[in-house]
Amino acid sequence: MFNNIKNIIKELGHLTPMALVMVFLPMAGSIVLMLFLSPIGEWFRANWELGTIVYLISTALLCGLSLVPTNVIGLVGGWAFGFWLGLGLLTAAIFVASTMSFFIHSRISGRKLPDFASKRIKIDAVYRTLMREDYWRTTLIIFLLRISVIMPFAFSNFLLASARVPLGSYILGTFAGMLPRSAAMVLAGAGLAQLDPQSSRDIITLFMGIAATIFSIVVIARLSRNALASITEREPEVEIVPMAQA
């Protein structure tokens, strides 16, 4: 078992450390952001005209470079700008961030993941479902991956770009899948009286909002996983013939 894992890591090459970075770097950024949450949010609210521009650009860059997750940023936007403006800014920033991240990861990862998948029948079946179906099927699968609570924004950017999914399906699936998650976090932030970690009342409100958000997304994610499994099971089995040795 350990030898198999070791071989897989070896075959994936630089994708393994990249995947780990995409998981843990946004977590570290979230901790740093939480330390300055109150002054940042207050500045955005007090200077909302300039703040909207700064928020849009900084969110796009920070999320696009996988430095912070979208959830904490969504809370700040909801508190500082209200639900509708905060959601509009966050959605626009996510669009820019995900597109930027797609091109960065596509360039760095190359064809490492498709080549790895082609050597394994089960993995290749999932990969073919994601890559070789029609436009709407591919978009649907990306939507299901995006809406799942277990798929962080930065890691799913990395995974989808490494899998070489079509850009059109990537953008549409990302927009549709991230919209409910973004709306839930912005709504939770807009419901706070103060963006103050020292306020016990607001902390309770914050955690209640996050708990409700996670609960609703988990329910949707469970249905999404069932749909994704059903799509994969309908994919016909294809025998992979190894290439002849030169």
C-alpha atoms as a PDB file:
ATOM      1  CA  MET A   1       0.000   0.000   0.000  1.00  0.00           C
ATOM      2  CA  PHE A   2       2.721   2.453   1.012  1.00  0.00           C
ATOM      3  CA  ASN A   3       4.720   1.517  -2.064  1.00  0.00           C
ATOM      4  CA  ASN A   4       1.699   2.294  -4.256  1.00  0.00           C
ATOM      5  CA  ILE A   5       1.252   5.682  -2.587  1.00  0.00           C
ATOM      6  CA  LYS A   6       4.950   6.368  -2.991  1.00  0.00           C
ATOM      7  CA  ASN A   7       4.800   5.471  -6.677  1.00  0.00           C
ATOM      8  CA  ILE A   8       1.753   7.680  -7.252  1.00  0.00           C
ATOM      9  CA  ILE A   9       3.458  10.640  -5.555  1.00  0.00           C
ATOM     10  CA  LYS A  10       6.558  10.021  -7.650  1.00  0.00           C
ATOM     11  CA  GLU A  11       4.536   9.894 -10.876  1.00  0.00           C
ATOM     12  CA  LEU A  12       2.656  13.066 -10.044  1.00  0.00           C
ATOM     13  CA  GLY A  13       5.970  14.853  -9.547  1.00  0.00           C
ATOM     14  CA  HIS A  14       5.624  18.564  -8.808  1.00  0.00           C
ATOM     15  CA  LEU A  15       1.807  18.320  -8.662  1.00  0.00           C
ATOM     16  CA  THR A  16       1.974  16.795  -5.164  1.00  0.00           C
ATOM     17  CA  PRO A  17       3.676  19.745  -3.418  1.00  0.00           C
ATOM     18  CA  MET A  18       1.515  22.117  -5.462  1.00  0.00           C
ATOM     19  CA  ALA A  19      -1.649  20.412  -4.196  1.00  0.00           C
ATOM     20  CA  LEU A  20      -0.457  20.670  -0.593  1.00  0.00           C
ATOM     21  CA  VAL A  21       0.306  24.353  -1.035  1.00  0.00           C
ATOM     22  CA  MET A  22      -3.162  24.957  -2.489  1.00  0.00           C
ATOM     23  CA  VAL A  23      -4.732  23.354   0.593  1.00  0.00           C
ATOM     24  CA  PHE A  24      -2.660  24.905   3.389  1.00  0.00           C
ATOM     25  CA  LEU A  25      -1.611  28.328   2.045  1.00  0.00           C
ATOM     26  CA  PRO A  26      -5.167  29.776   2.054  1.00  0.00           C
ATOM     27  CA  MET A  27      -5.616  28.445   5.612  1.00  0.00           C
ATOM     28  CA  ALA A  28      -2.560  30.373   6.764  1.00  0.00           C
ATOM     29  CA  GLY A  29      -3.769  33.465   4.933  1.00  0.00           C
ATOM     30  CA  SER A  30      -7.151  33.170   6.599  1.00  0.00           C
ATOM     31  CA  ILE A  31      -5.530  33.179  10.049  1.00  0.00           C
ATOM     32  CA  VAL A  32      -3.537  36.312   9.203  1.00  0.00           C
ATOM     33  CA  LEU A  33      -6.615  38.019   7.783  1.00  0.00           C
ATOM     34  CA  MET A  34      -8.618  37.248  10.920  1.00  0.00           C
ATOM     35  CA  LEU A  35      -6.044  39.144  13.009  1.00  0.00           C
ATOM     36  CA  PHE A  36      -6.746  42.334  11.069  1.00  0.00           C
ATOM     37  CA  LEU A  37     -10.395  41.675  10.293  1.00  0.00           C
ATOM     38  CA  SER A  38     -11.871  44.548  12.268  1.00  0.00           C
ATOM     39  CA  PRO A  39      -9.665  47.445  11.053  1.00  0.00           C
ATOM     40  CA  ILE A  40      -9.852  46.235   7.443  1.00  0.00           C
ATOM     41  CA  GLY A  41     -13.632  45.977   7.533  1.00  0.00           C
ATOM     42  CA  GLU A  42     -14.000  49.364   9.223  1.00  0.00           C
ATOM     43  CA  TRP A  43     -11.808  51.044   6.595  1.00  0.00           C
ATOM     44  CA  PHE A  44     -13.858  49.522   3.785  1.00  0.00           C
ATOM     45  CA  ARG A  45     -17.093  50.696   5.389  1.00  0.00           C
ATOM     46  CA  ALA A  46     -15.813  54.206   6.142  1.00  0.00           C
ATOM     47  CA  ASN A  47     -14.350  54.634   2.641  1.00  0.00           C
ATOM     48  CA  TRP A  48     -16.830  52.566   0.681  1.00  0.00           C
ATOM     49  CA  GLU A  49     -16.413  54.383  -2.656  1.00  0.00           C
ATOM     50  CA  LEU A  50     -12.653  53.811  -2.800  1.00  0.00           C
ATOM     51  CA  GLY A  51     -13.101  50.681  -0.715  1.00  0.00           C
ATOM     52  CA  THR A  52     -15.161  48.937  -3.384  1.00  0.00           C
ATOM     53  CA  ILE A  53     -12.281  49.289  -5.860  1.00  0.00           C
ATOM     54  CA  VAL A  54      -9.654  48.226  -3.327  1.00  0.00           C
ATOM     55  CA  TYR A  55     -11.798  45.292  -2.198  1.00  0.00           C
ATOM     56  CA  LEU A  56     -12.401  44.106  -5.753  1.00  0.00           C
ATOM     57  CA  ILE A  57      -8.740  44.277  -6.803  1.00  0.00           C
ATOM     58  CA  SER A  58      -7.279  42.900  -3.567  1.00  0.00           C
ATOM     59  CA  THR A  59      -9.789  40.040  -3.382  1.00  0.00           C
ATOM     60  CA  ALA A  60      -9.136  39.067  -6.997  1.00  0.00           C
ATOM     61  CA  LEU A  61      -5.366  39.078  -6.467  1.00  0.00           C
ATOM     62  CA  LEU A  62      -5.309  37.397  -3.053  1.00  0.00           C
ATOM     63  CA  CYS A  63      -7.762  34.649  -4.025  1.00  0.00           C
ATOM     64  CA  GLY A  64      -6.278  34.264  -7.494  1.00  0.00           C
ATOM     65  CA  LEU A  65      -2.831  33.701  -5.989  1.00  0.00           C
ATOM     66  CA  SER A  66      -4.337  31.308  -3.386  1.00  0.00           C
ATOM     67  CA  LEU A  67      -3.259  33.504  -0.470  1.00  0.00           C
ATOM     68  CA  VAL A  68      -6.684  33.650   1.212  1.00  0.00           C
ATOM     69  CA  PRO A  69      -9.947  31.684   0.890  1.00  0.00           C
ATOM     70  CA  THR A  70     -13.138  33.249  -0.395  1.00  0.00           C
ATOM     71  CA  ASN A  71     -15.177  32.676   2.780  1.00  0.00           C
ATOM     72  CA  VAL A  72     -13.502  35.197   5.127  1.00  0.00           C
ATOM     73  CA  ILE A  73     -13.271  37.768   2.339  1.00  0.00           C
ATOM     74  CA  GLY A  74     -16.997  37.246   1.739  1.00  0.00           C
ATOM     75  CA  LEU A  75     -17.766  37.997   5.373  1.00  0.00           C
ATOM     76  CA  VAL A  76     -15.789  41.247   5.188  1.00  0.00           C
ATOM     77  CA  GLY A  77     -17.554  42.303   1.989  1.00  0.00           C
ATOM     78  CA  GLY A  78     -21.002  41.578   3.401  1.00  0.00           C
ATOM     79  CA  TRP A  79     -20.325  43.541   6.587  1.00  0.00           C
ATOM     80  CA  ALA A  80     -18.684  46.524   4.875  1.00  0.00           C
ATOM     81  CA  PHE A  81     -20.886  46.918   1.785  1.00  0.00           C
ATOM     82  CA  GLY A  82     -24.137  45.126   2.563  1.00  0.00           C
ATOM     83  CA  PHE A  83     -25.518  42.028   0.879  1.00  0.00           C
ATOM     84  CA  TRP A  84     -26.153  43.083  -2.725  1.00  0.00           C
ATOM     85  CA  LEU A  85     -23.078  45.244  -3.289  1.00  0.00           C
ATOM     86  CA  GLY A  86     -20.909  42.826  -1.305  1.00  0.00           C
ATOM     87  CA  LEU A  87     -22.168  39.873  -3.350  1.00  0.00           C
ATOM     88  CA  GLY A  88     -21.621  41.717  -6.638  1.00  0.00           C
ATOM     89  CA  LEU A  89     -18.056  42.648  -5.699  1.00  0.00           C
ATOM     90  CA  LEU A  90     -17.219  39.185  -4.428  1.00  0.00           C
ATOM     91  CA  THR A  91     -18.679  37.491  -7.511  1.00  0.00           C
ATOM     92  CA  ALA A  92     -16.705  39.756  -9.847  1.00  0.00           C
ATOM     93  CA  ALA A  93     -13.527  39.180  -7.850  1.00  0.00           C
ATOM     94  CA  ILE A  94     -14.027  35.402  -7.898  1.00  0.00           C
ATOM     95  CA  PHE A  95     -14.494  35.516 -11.680  1.00  0.00           C
ATOM     96  CA  VAL A  96     -11.171  37.337 -12.118  1.00  0.00           C
ATOM     97  CA  ALA A  97      -9.406  35.220  -9.478  1.00  0.00           C
ATOM     98  CA  SER A  98     -10.520  31.878 -10.885  1.00  0.00           C
ATOM     99  CA  THR A  99      -9.616  32.865 -14.458  1.00  0.00           C
ATOM    100  CA  MET A 100      -6.185  34.119 -13.400  1.00  0.00           C
ATOM    101  CA  SER A 101      -5.596  30.993 -11.345  1.00  0.00           C
ATOM    102  CA  PHE A 102      -6.636  28.791 -14.268  1.00  0.00           C
ATOM    103  CA  PHE A 103      -3.981  30.211 -16.571  1.00  0.00           C
ATOM    104  CA  ILE A 104      -1.282  30.122 -13.880  1.00  0.00           C
ATOM    105  CA  HIS A 105      -1.912  26.484 -12.956  1.00  0.00           C
ATOM    106  CA  SER A 106      -2.372  25.374 -16.558  1.00  0.00           C
ATOM    107  CA  ARG A 107       1.039  26.784 -17.386  1.00  0.00           C
ATOM    108  CA  ILE A 108       2.772  25.258 -14.351  1.00  0.00           C
ATOM    109  CA  SER A 109       1.104  21.823 -14.338  1.00  0.00           C
ATOM    110  CA  GLY A 110       1.321  21.111 -18.087  1.00  0.00           C
ATOM    111  CA  ARG A 111      -0.063  17.690 -19.062  1.00  0.00           C
ATOM    112  CA  LYS A 112       1.171  15.866 -15.973  1.00  0.00           C
ATOM    113  CA  LEU A 113      -2.284  14.986 -14.624  1.00  0.00           C
ATOM    114  CA  PRO A 114      -3.847  13.824 -17.941  1.00  0.00           C
ATOM    115  CA  ASP A 115      -0.791  11.652 -18.617  1.00  0.00           C
ATOM    116  CA  PHE A 116      -1.008  10.179 -15.117  1.00  0.00           C
ATOM    117  CA  ALA A 117      -4.751   9.476 -15.469  1.00  0.00           C
ATOM    118  CA  SER A 118      -4.326   7.745 -18.827  1.00  0.00           C
ATOM    119  CA  LYS A 119      -2.318   4.959 -17.158  1.00  0.00           C
ATOM    120  CA  ARG A 120      -5.150   3.970 -14.780  1.00  0.00           C
ATOM    121  CA  ILE A 121      -8.513   2.700 -15.997  1.00  0.00           C
ATOM    122  CA  LYS A 122     -10.728   4.001 -13.150  1.00  0.00           C
ATOM    123  CA  ILE A 123      -9.020   7.372 -12.944  1.00  0.00           C
ATOM    124  CA  ASP A 124      -9.085   7.703 -16.721  1.00  0.00           C
ATOM    125  CA  ALA A 125     -12.840   6.944 -16.753  1.00  0.00           C
ATOM    126  CA  VAL A 126     -13.468   9.898 -14.418  1.00  0.00           C
ATOM    127  CA  TYR A 127     -11.084  12.056 -16.416  1.00  0.00           C
ATOM    128  CA  ARG A 128     -12.810  11.197 -19.694  1.00  0.00           C
ATOM    129  CA  THR A 129     -16.182  12.038 -18.133  1.00  0.00           C
ATOM    130  CA  LEU A 130     -14.835  15.431 -17.151  1.00  0.00           C
ATOM    131  CA  MET A 131     -13.023  16.167 -20.403  1.00  0.00           C
ATOM    132  CA  ARG A 132     -14.624  14.342 -23.315  1.00  0.00           C
ATOM    133  CA  GLU A 133     -18.362  14.828 -22.874  1.00  0.00           C
ATOM    134  CA  ASP A 134     -20.319  17.676 -24.388  1.00  0.00           C
ATOM    135  CA  TYR A 135     -20.089  21.258 -23.176  1.00  0.00           C
ATOM    136  CA  TRP A 136     -23.039  21.113 -20.788  1.00  0.00           C
ATOM    137  CA  ARG A 137     -21.996  17.796 -19.242  1.00  0.00           C
ATOM    138  CA  THR A 138     -18.531  19.162 -18.529  1.00  0.00           C
ATOM    139  CA  THR A 139     -20.008  22.372 -17.118  1.00  0.00           C
ATOM    140  CA  LEU A 140     -22.352  20.379 -14.879  1.00  0.00           C
ATOM    141  CA  ILE A 141     -19.495  18.347 -13.413  1.00  0.00           C
ATOM    142  CA  ILE A 142     -17.470  21.490 -12.710  1.00  0.00           C
ATOM    143  CA  PHE A 143     -20.566  23.002 -11.072  1.00  0.00           C
ATOM    144  CA  LEU A 144     -20.925  19.932  -8.830  1.00  0.00           C
ATOM    145  CA  LEU A 145     -17.286  20.120  -7.810  1.00  0.00           C
ATOM    146  CA  ARG A 146     -17.488  23.846  -7.091  1.00  0.00           C
ATOM    147  CA  ILE A 147     -20.634  23.676  -4.991  1.00  0.00           C
ATOM    148  CA  SER A 148     -19.239  20.932  -2.735  1.00  0.00           C
ATOM    149  CA  VAL A 149     -18.156  22.193   0.678  1.00  0.00           C
ATOM    150  CA  ILE A 150     -15.205  19.772   0.731  1.00  0.00           C
ATOM    151  CA  MET A 151     -13.568  21.408  -2.315  1.00  0.00           C
ATOM    152  CA  PRO A 152     -11.696  24.605  -1.339  1.00  0.00           C
ATOM    153  CA  PHE A 153     -11.612  27.344  -3.961  1.00  0.00           C
ATOM    154  CA  ALA A 154      -7.817  27.350  -4.432  1.00  0.00           C
ATOM    155  CA  PHE A 155      -7.507  23.560  -4.618  1.00  0.00           C
ATOM    156  CA  SER A 156     -10.379  23.192  -7.101  1.00  0.00           C
ATOM    157  CA  ASN A 157      -8.761  25.880  -9.285  1.00  0.00           C
ATOM    158  CA  PHE A 158      -5.561  23.852  -9.266  1.00  0.00           C
ATOM    159  CA  LEU A 159      -7.336  20.543  -9.897  1.00  0.00           C
ATOM    160  CA  LEU A 160      -9.484  21.755 -12.790  1.00  0.00           C
ATOM    161  CA  ALA A 161      -6.651  23.635 -14.465  1.00  0.00           C
ATOM    162  CA  SER A 162      -4.332  20.628 -14.111  1.00  0.00           C
ATOM    163  CA  ALA A 163      -7.044  18.447 -15.672  1.00  0.00           C
ATOM    164  CA  ARG A 164      -7.074  20.801 -18.690  1.00  0.00           C
ATOM    165  CA  VAL A 165     -10.828  21.400 -18.629  1.00  0.00           C
ATOM    166  CA  PRO A 166     -12.223  23.719 -21.343  1.00  0.00           C
ATOM    167  CA  LEU A 167     -12.072  27.363 -20.267  1.00  0.00           C
ATOM    168  CA  GLY A 168     -15.712  28.081 -21.183  1.00  0.00           C
ATOM    169  CA  SER A 169     -17.052  25.239 -19.060  1.00  0.00           C
ATOM    170  CA  TYR A 170     -14.657  26.187 -16.265  1.00  0.00           C
ATOM    171  CA  ILE A 171     -15.880  29.793 -16.103  1.00  0.00           C
ATOM    172  CA  LEU A 172     -19.594  28.988 -16.308  1.00  0.00           C
ATOM    173  CA  GLY A 173     -19.408  26.058 -13.896  1.00  0.00           C
ATOM    174  CA  THR A 174     -17.363  28.137 -11.462  1.00  0.00           C
ATOM    175  CA  PHE A 175     -19.782  31.062 -11.549  1.00  0.00           C
ATOM    176  CA  ALA A 176     -22.847  28.880 -10.999  1.00  0.00           C
ATOM    177  CA  GLY A 177     -21.212  26.685  -8.358  1.00  0.00           C
ATOM    178  CA  MET A 178     -19.595  29.477  -6.335  1.00  0.00           C
ATOM    179  CA  LEU A 179     -22.654  31.753  -6.309  1.00  0.00           C
ATOM    180  CA  PRO A 180     -24.576  29.943  -3.512  1.00  0.00           C
ATOM    181  CA  ARG A 181     -21.445  29.671  -1.349  1.00  0.00           C
ATOM    182  CA  SER A 182     -20.576  33.324  -1.906  1.00  0.00           C
ATOM    183  CA  ALA A 183     -24.116  34.503  -1.193  1.00  0.00           C
ATOM    184  CA  ALA A 184     -24.237  32.538   2.051  1.00  0.00           C
ATOM    185  CA  MET A 185     -20.975  34.023   3.367  1.00  0.00           C
ATOM    186  CA  VAL A 186     -21.842  37.586   2.302  1.00  0.00           C
ATOM    187  CA  LEU A 187     -25.260  37.213   3.946  1.00  0.00           C
ATOM    188  CA  ALA A 188     -23.615  36.011   7.161  1.00  0.00           C
ATOM    189  CA  GLY A 189     -21.299  39.038   7.135  1.00  0.00           C
ATOM    190  CA  ALA A 190     -24.138  41.466   6.384  1.00  0.00           C
ATOM    191  CA  GLY A 191     -26.003  40.155   9.431  1.00  0.00           C
ATOM    192  CA  LEU A 192     -23.224  41.098  11.864  1.00  0.00           C
ATOM    193  CA  ALA A 193     -23.588  44.228  13.989  1.00  0.00           C
ATOM    194  CA  GLN A 194     -19.818  44.591  14.329  1.00  0.00           C
ATOM    195  CA  LEU A 195     -16.888  42.930  12.637  1.00  0.00           C
ATOM    196  CA  ASP A 196     -15.179  42.633  16.001  1.00  0.00           C
ATOM    197  CA  PRO A 197     -13.558  39.364  17.168  1.00  0.00           C
ATOM    198  CA  GLN A 198     -13.750  40.662  20.757  1.00  0.00           C
ATOM    199  CA  SER A 199     -17.547  40.882  20.689  1.00  0.00           C
ATOM    200  CA  SER A 200     -19.058  37.686  22.109  1.00  0.00           C
ATOM    201  CA  ARG A 201     -22.485  38.481  20.693  1.00  0.00           C
ATOM    202  CA  ASP A 202     -21.132  38.952  17.197  1.00  0.00           C
ATOM    203  CA  ILE A 203     -18.951  35.867  17.501  1.00  0.00           C
ATOM    204  CA  ILE A 204     -22.056  33.844  18.369  1.00  0.00           C
ATOM    205  CA  THR A 205     -23.908  35.381  15.409  1.00  0.00           C
ATOM    206  CA  LEU A 206     -20.929  34.701  13.172  1.00  0.00           C
ATOM    207  CA  PHE A 207     -20.663  31.039  14.154  1.00  0.00           C
ATOM    208  CA  MET A 208     -24.416  30.545  13.884  1.00  0.00           C
ATOM    209  CA  GLY A 209     -24.298  31.984  10.373  1.00  0.00           C
ATOM    210  CA  ILE A 210     -21.327  29.829   9.407  1.00  0.00           C
ATOM    211  CA  ALA A 211     -22.943  26.731  10.941  1.00  0.00           C
ATOM    212  CA  ALA A 212     -26.162  27.352   8.992  1.00  0.00           C
ATOM    213  CA  THR A 213     -24.138  27.968   5.857  1.00  0.00           C
ATOM    214  CA  ILE A 214     -22.135  24.775   6.248  1.00  0.00           C
ATOM    215  CA  PHE A 215     -25.278  22.750   6.989  1.00  0.00           C
ATOM    216  CA  SER A 216     -27.087  23.991   3.874  1.00  0.00           C
ATOM    217  CA  ILE A 217     -24.061  23.478   1.630  1.00  0.00           C
ATOM    218  CA  VAL A 218     -23.407  19.982   3.025  1.00  0.00           C
ATOM    219  CA  VAL A 219     -26.960  18.977   2.109  1.00  0.00           C
ATOM    220  CA  ILE A 220     -26.509  20.336  -1.412  1.00  0.00           C
ATOM    221  CA  ALA A 221     -23.042  18.762  -1.637  1.00  0.00           C
ATOM    222  CA  ARG A 222     -24.446  15.337  -0.743  1.00  0.00           C
ATOM    223  CA  LEU A 223     -26.946  15.563  -3.580  1.00  0.00           C
ATOM    224  CA  SER A 224     -24.148  16.804  -5.822  1.00  0.00           C
ATOM    225  CA  ARG A 225     -21.913  13.842  -5.015  1.00  0.00           C
ATOM    226  CA  ASN A 226     -24.763  11.431  -5.796  1.00  0.00           C
ATOM    227  CA  ALA A 227     -25.347  13.119  -9.136  1.00  0.00           C
ATOM    228  CA  LEU A 228     -21.632  13.079  -9.918  1.00  0.00           C
ATOM    229  CA  ALA A 229     -21.407   9.391  -9.016  1.00  0.00           C
ATOM    230  CA  SER A 230     -24.401   8.625 -11.237  1.00  0.00           C
ATOM    231  CA  ILE A 231     -22.810  10.452 -14.164  1.00  0.00           C
ATOM    232  CA  THR A 232     -19.544   8.554 -13.682  1.00  0.00           C
ATOM    233  CA  GLU A 233     -21.288   5.172 -13.429  1.00  0.00           C
ATOM    234  CA  ARG A 234     -23.033   5.738 -16.768  1.00  0.00           C
ATOM    235  CA  GLU A 235     -19.692   6.245 -18.515  1.00  0.00           C
ATOM    236  CA  PRO A 236     -18.976   3.092 -20.591  1.00  0.00           C
ATOM    237  CA  GLU A 237     -15.973   1.038 -19.693  1.00  0.00           C
ATOM    238  CA  VAL A 238     -13.080   1.557 -22.077  1.00  0.00           C
ATOM    239  CA  GLU A 239     -10.108  -0.718 -22.263  1.00  0.00           C
ATOM    240  CA  ILE A 240      -6.856   1.167 -22.199  1.00  0.00           C
ATOM    241  CA  VAL A 241      -4.288  -0.426 -24.471  1.00  0.00           C
ATOM    242  CA  PRO A 242      -0.716   0.269 -23.419  1.00  0.00           C
ATOM    243  CA  MET A 243       1.478   1.835 -26.070  1.00  0.00           C
ATOM    244  CA  ALA A 244       3.979  -0.425 -27.712  1.00  0.00           C
ATOM    245  CA  GLN A 245       7.549  -0.048 -26.598  1.00  0.00           C
ATOM    246  CA  ALA A 246       9.750   1.728 -29.110  1.00  0.00           C
END
